[in-house]
Amino acid sequence: MHKDFDILKQEVQLLINFIGEENTLEAKEKLADAHELLDELIDFVTDDEELIQVSYYQILLNQLHQKIQDIKPKP
C-alpha cells in the first residue's frame, strides 16, 4: 500500500473533525487538500487494492463535500 494513503487518511480525519465542529472554512480547505492528494495518488496506483482505495476515497470525499454544503450558517 502506498504510504501516501496514510497521509490521505489523516487529511480526511481532519476534514471530518472540521465538519463535526461546523467549521466550513477549514473543512473546505481540507477537502481541497485531500482532493489534491488523491489526484496525485491516482497517477501512481499500481494494483487493484490501491485502485479500490482510490475509489473508496473518491466516494468518501464526495459524501463529505455534500455534508459541508448541508452545514447551516450560524446566526
N, C-alpha and C. Protein backbone atom coordinates (compact mmCIF):
# COMPACT_ATOMS: atom_id res chain seq x y z
N MET A 1 0.85 -1.18 0.00
CA MET A 1 0.00 0.00 0.00
C MET A 1 0.89 1.24 0.00
N HIS A 2 0.54 2.18 -0.80
CA HIS A 2 1.30 3.41 -0.93
C HIS A 2 1.24 4.20 0.37
N LYS A 3 2.37 4.69 0.84
CA LYS A 3 2.42 5.40 2.13
C LYS A 3 1.59 6.67 2.14
N ASP A 4 1.35 7.26 0.95
CA ASP A 4 0.56 8.48 0.90
C ASP A 4 -0.91 8.24 1.24
N PHE A 5 -1.35 6.99 1.20
CA PHE A 5 -2.71 6.71 1.64
C PHE A 5 -2.85 6.98 3.13
N ASP A 6 -1.78 6.79 3.89
CA ASP A 6 -1.82 7.12 5.31
C ASP A 6 -1.97 8.62 5.52
N ILE A 7 -1.28 9.40 4.69
CA ILE A 7 -1.39 10.86 4.78
C ILE A 7 -2.81 11.28 4.39
N LEU A 8 -3.34 10.67 3.34
CA LEU A 8 -4.70 10.98 2.91
C LEU A 8 -5.70 10.65 4.02
N LYS A 9 -5.49 9.54 4.68
CA LYS A 9 -6.37 9.14 5.78
C LYS A 9 -6.35 10.20 6.88
N GLN A 10 -5.19 10.73 7.20
CA GLN A 10 -5.08 11.77 8.22
C GLN A 10 -5.78 13.05 7.78
N GLU A 11 -5.61 13.42 6.51
CA GLU A 11 -6.26 14.61 5.99
C GLU A 11 -7.78 14.47 6.05
N VAL A 12 -8.28 13.30 5.69
CA VAL A 12 -9.73 13.07 5.72
C VAL A 12 -10.24 13.11 7.16
N GLN A 13 -9.48 12.59 8.11
CA GLN A 13 -9.90 12.64 9.50
C GLN A 13 -10.00 14.09 9.99
N LEU A 14 -9.02 14.91 9.61
CA LEU A 14 -9.09 16.34 9.96
C LEU A 14 -10.31 16.99 9.33
N LEU A 15 -10.60 16.63 8.09
CA LEU A 15 -11.78 17.15 7.40
C LEU A 15 -13.05 16.77 8.16
N ILE A 16 -13.15 15.53 8.58
CA ILE A 16 -14.31 15.07 9.34
C ILE A 16 -14.43 15.84 10.65
N ASN A 17 -13.30 16.08 11.30
CA ASN A 17 -13.32 16.86 12.54
C ASN A 17 -13.84 18.27 12.31
N PHE A 18 -13.40 18.91 11.23
CA PHE A 18 -13.87 20.27 10.93
C PHE A 18 -15.37 20.27 10.62
N ILE A 19 -15.84 19.25 9.93
CA ILE A 19 -17.28 19.16 9.66
C ILE A 19 -18.04 19.00 10.97
N GLY A 20 -17.52 18.17 11.87
CA GLY A 20 -18.15 17.98 13.17
C GLY A 20 -18.21 19.27 13.98
N GLU A 21 -17.21 20.11 13.82
CA GLU A 21 -17.17 21.40 14.51
C GLU A 21 -17.96 22.47 13.76
N GLU A 22 -18.50 22.09 12.59
CA GLU A 22 -19.23 23.00 11.71
C GLU A 22 -18.35 24.18 11.28
N ASN A 23 -17.08 23.91 11.10
CA ASN A 23 -16.11 24.90 10.65
C ASN A 23 -15.98 24.76 9.13
N THR A 24 -16.89 25.41 8.39
CA THR A 24 -16.95 25.21 6.95
C THR A 24 -15.73 25.73 6.22
N LEU A 25 -15.15 26.82 6.68
CA LEU A 25 -13.98 27.38 6.00
C LEU A 25 -12.81 26.39 6.03
N GLU A 26 -12.49 25.90 7.21
CA GLU A 26 -11.40 24.94 7.34
C GLU A 26 -11.74 23.62 6.64
N ALA A 27 -13.01 23.23 6.71
CA ALA A 27 -13.43 21.98 6.07
C ALA A 27 -13.25 22.07 4.55
N LYS A 28 -13.62 23.20 3.97
CA LYS A 28 -13.47 23.37 2.52
C LYS A 28 -12.00 23.35 2.12
N GLU A 29 -11.15 23.97 2.92
CA GLU A 29 -9.71 23.97 2.63
C GLU A 29 -9.14 22.55 2.73
N LYS A 30 -9.54 21.83 3.77
CA LYS A 30 -9.04 20.46 3.95
C LYS A 30 -9.58 19.54 2.86
N LEU A 31 -10.81 19.77 2.41
CA LEU A 31 -11.37 19.00 1.30
C LEU A 31 -10.55 19.20 0.03
N ALA A 32 -10.18 20.45 -0.23
CA ALA A 32 -9.36 20.74 -1.41
C ALA A 32 -8.00 20.06 -1.29
N ASP A 33 -7.40 20.09 -0.10
CA ASP A 33 -6.11 19.42 0.12
C ASP A 33 -6.22 17.92 -0.13
N ALA A 34 -7.29 17.33 0.39
CA ALA A 34 -7.48 15.88 0.25
C ALA A 34 -7.70 15.51 -1.21
N HIS A 35 -8.48 16.32 -1.93
CA HIS A 35 -8.71 16.05 -3.35
C HIS A 35 -7.40 16.15 -4.14
N GLU A 36 -6.60 17.13 -3.81
CA GLU A 36 -5.32 17.29 -4.49
C GLU A 36 -4.41 16.08 -4.26
N LEU A 37 -4.35 15.64 -3.02
CA LEU A 37 -3.53 14.47 -2.70
C LEU A 37 -4.06 13.22 -3.41
N LEU A 38 -5.37 13.08 -3.42
CA LEU A 38 -5.98 11.92 -4.10
C LEU A 38 -5.67 11.95 -5.60
N ASP A 39 -5.74 13.12 -6.20
CA ASP A 39 -5.42 13.24 -7.62
C ASP A 39 -3.98 12.83 -7.90
N GLU A 40 -3.08 13.19 -7.01
CA GLU A 40 -1.68 12.79 -7.16
C GLU A 40 -1.53 11.27 -7.02
N LEU A 41 -2.26 10.70 -6.07
CA LEU A 41 -2.18 9.26 -5.85
C LEU A 41 -2.69 8.46 -7.05
N ILE A 42 -3.69 8.99 -7.72
CA ILE A 42 -4.28 8.29 -8.87
C ILE A 42 -3.21 8.00 -9.92
N ASP A 43 -2.26 8.91 -10.06
CA ASP A 43 -1.21 8.73 -11.06
C ASP A 43 -0.26 7.58 -10.73
N PHE A 44 -0.26 7.14 -9.48
CA PHE A 44 0.73 6.15 -9.05
C PHE A 44 0.15 4.82 -8.60
N VAL A 45 -1.16 4.63 -8.74
CA VAL A 45 -1.72 3.34 -8.32
C VAL A 45 -1.19 2.25 -9.23
N THR A 46 -0.82 1.14 -8.61
CA THR A 46 -0.18 0.08 -9.38
C THR A 46 -0.91 -1.26 -9.29
N ASP A 47 -1.83 -1.40 -8.35
CA ASP A 47 -2.52 -2.68 -8.25
C ASP A 47 -3.99 -2.48 -7.91
N ASP A 48 -4.73 -3.55 -7.93
CA ASP A 48 -6.17 -3.49 -7.70
C ASP A 48 -6.52 -3.00 -6.30
N GLU A 49 -5.74 -3.39 -5.32
CA GLU A 49 -6.01 -2.96 -3.95
C GLU A 49 -5.92 -1.43 -3.83
N GLU A 50 -4.92 -0.85 -4.45
CA GLU A 50 -4.79 0.61 -4.41
C GLU A 50 -5.91 1.29 -5.19
N LEU A 51 -6.32 0.69 -6.28
CA LEU A 51 -7.42 1.23 -7.07
C LEU A 51 -8.72 1.23 -6.26
N ILE A 52 -8.93 0.19 -5.50
CA ILE A 52 -10.10 0.12 -4.62
C ILE A 52 -10.02 1.24 -3.57
N GLN A 53 -8.84 1.46 -3.01
CA GLN A 53 -8.66 2.53 -2.02
C GLN A 53 -8.97 3.89 -2.64
N VAL A 54 -8.49 4.13 -3.85
CA VAL A 54 -8.76 5.39 -4.54
C VAL A 54 -10.26 5.58 -4.72
N SER A 55 -10.94 4.55 -5.16
CA SER A 55 -12.39 4.63 -5.35
C SER A 55 -13.10 4.92 -4.03
N TYR A 56 -12.67 4.26 -2.98
CA TYR A 56 -13.25 4.47 -1.65
C TYR A 56 -13.12 5.95 -1.25
N TYR A 57 -11.93 6.50 -1.41
CA TYR A 57 -11.71 7.88 -1.02
C TYR A 57 -12.44 8.87 -1.92
N GLN A 58 -12.58 8.55 -3.19
CA GLN A 58 -13.35 9.42 -4.08
C GLN A 58 -14.80 9.52 -3.61
N ILE A 59 -15.37 8.38 -3.30
CA ILE A 59 -16.77 8.35 -2.83
C ILE A 59 -16.88 9.07 -1.48
N LEU A 60 -15.96 8.80 -0.58
CA LEU A 60 -15.99 9.43 0.74
C LEU A 60 -15.86 10.95 0.63
N LEU A 61 -14.95 11.43 -0.19
CA LEU A 61 -14.78 12.87 -0.34
C LEU A 61 -16.01 13.52 -0.96
N ASN A 62 -16.67 12.83 -1.88
CA ASN A 62 -17.91 13.36 -2.45
C ASN A 62 -19.00 13.47 -1.38
N GLN A 63 -19.10 12.46 -0.53
CA GLN A 63 -20.08 12.49 0.56
C GLN A 63 -19.76 13.61 1.56
N LEU A 64 -18.50 13.78 1.87
CA LEU A 64 -18.11 14.83 2.82
C LEU A 64 -18.33 16.21 2.22
N HIS A 65 -18.14 16.33 0.92
CA HIS A 65 -18.44 17.61 0.26
C HIS A 65 -19.92 17.96 0.43
N GLN A 66 -20.77 16.96 0.28
CA GLN A 66 -22.21 17.18 0.46
C GLN A 66 -22.51 17.59 1.90
N LYS A 67 -21.84 16.95 2.86
CA LYS A 67 -22.03 17.31 4.28
C LYS A 67 -21.66 18.76 4.52
N ILE A 68 -20.57 19.21 3.91
CA ILE A 68 -20.15 20.61 4.08
C ILE A 68 -21.23 21.54 3.53
N GLN A 69 -21.82 21.18 2.38
CA GLN A 69 -22.87 22.00 1.78
C GLN A 69 -24.11 22.06 2.66
N ASP A 70 -24.34 21.01 3.45
CA ASP A 70 -25.53 20.94 4.30
C ASP A 70 -25.39 21.68 5.62
N ILE A 71 -24.18 22.12 5.96
CA ILE A 71 -23.98 22.84 7.23
C ILE A 71 -24.67 24.19 7.13
N LYS A 72 -25.54 24.43 8.10
CA LYS A 72 -26.27 25.70 8.14
C LYS A 72 -25.40 26.76 8.79
N PRO A 73 -25.38 27.97 8.21
CA PRO A 73 -24.61 29.04 8.83
C PRO A 73 -25.16 29.38 10.22
N LYS A 74 -24.26 29.67 11.13
CA LYS A 74 -24.68 30.04 12.48
C LYS A 74 -25.17 31.49 12.47
N PRO A 75 -26.27 31.75 13.23
CA PRO A 75 -26.82 33.12 13.25
C PRO A 75 -25.92 34.09 13.99
